[in-house]
């Protein structure tokens, strides 16, 4: 699987790849600590890490509403 395929697997339906990459770079470079993330950003990060499909679906529904 290519890196782009892996990134695409982490995107929600409404996210752009370039925005996701820019945000990942900003996080990696320490642009903002986790405490500054809003609830929606934290939920999106959680969605990207969860493997349980039922829980992923529930989070995605909440993120897009």
Protein backbone atom coordinates (compact mmCIF):
# COMPACT_ATOMS: atom_id res chain seq x y z
CA UNK A 1 0.00 0.00 0.00
CA UNK A 2 1.39 3.42 -0.91
CA UNK A 3 1.67 6.33 1.50
CA UNK A 4 -1.08 8.19 -0.38
CA UNK A 5 -3.37 5.17 -0.04
CA UNK A 6 -2.68 5.09 3.70
CA UNK A 7 -3.43 8.81 4.02
CA UNK A 8 -6.62 8.41 2.00
CA UNK A 9 -7.70 5.64 4.39
CA UNK A 10 -7.46 8.14 7.27
CA UNK A 11 -9.50 10.88 5.61
CA UNK A 12 -13.14 11.49 6.28
CA UNK A 13 -15.48 12.11 3.38
CA UNK A 14 -15.19 15.87 3.85
CA UNK A 15 -11.42 16.22 4.34
CA UNK A 16 -8.99 17.22 1.62
CA UNK A 17 -5.72 15.34 1.37
CA UNK A 18 -3.62 18.51 1.15
CA UNK A 19 -5.26 20.00 4.25
CA UNK A 20 -4.71 16.72 6.11
CA UNK A 21 -1.03 16.65 5.12
CA UNK A 22 -0.56 20.31 6.07
CA UNK A 23 -2.15 19.65 9.47
CA UNK A 24 0.00 16.54 10.01
CA UNK A 25 3.13 18.55 9.21
CA UNK A 26 2.09 21.32 11.59
CA UNK A 27 1.49 18.79 14.36
CA UNK A 28 4.81 17.08 13.73
CA UNK A 29 6.64 20.39 13.84
CA UNK A 30 4.98 21.26 17.15
CA UNK A 31 2.78 24.04 15.82
CA UNK A 32 0.22 23.37 18.53
CA UNK A 33 0.01 21.09 21.54
CA UNK A 34 -2.78 18.56 21.94
CA UNK A 35 -4.38 20.73 24.62
CA UNK A 36 -5.15 23.33 21.95
CA UNK A 37 -7.08 20.90 19.75
CA UNK A 38 -10.83 21.29 19.71
CA UNK A 39 -13.20 18.37 20.27
CA UNK A 40 -13.81 17.89 16.55
CA UNK A 41 -10.07 17.59 15.85
CA UNK A 42 -9.61 15.11 18.68
CA UNK A 43 -12.53 13.03 17.43
CA UNK A 44 -11.04 13.00 13.93
CA UNK A 45 -7.72 11.84 15.32
CA UNK A 46 -9.47 9.13 17.30
CA UNK A 47 -11.40 8.04 14.21
CA UNK A 48 -8.11 7.63 12.34
CA UNK A 49 -6.73 5.34 15.05
CA UNK A 50 -9.74 3.15 15.84
CA UNK A 51 -9.97 -0.22 14.14
CA UNK A 52 -13.48 -1.13 15.32
CA UNK A 53 -15.71 -0.40 12.31
CA UNK A 54 -18.87 0.17 14.37
CA UNK A 55 -17.17 2.77 16.52
CA UNK A 56 -15.55 4.38 13.45
CA UNK A 57 -19.00 4.70 11.87
CA UNK A 58 -20.46 6.29 14.99
CA UNK A 59 -17.60 8.80 15.20
CA UNK A 60 -17.85 9.62 11.48
CA UNK A 61 -21.58 10.21 11.81
CA UNK A 62 -20.92 12.57 14.72
CA UNK A 63 -18.10 14.37 12.87
CA UNK A 64 -20.19 15.01 9.77
CA UNK A 65 -23.33 16.17 11.57
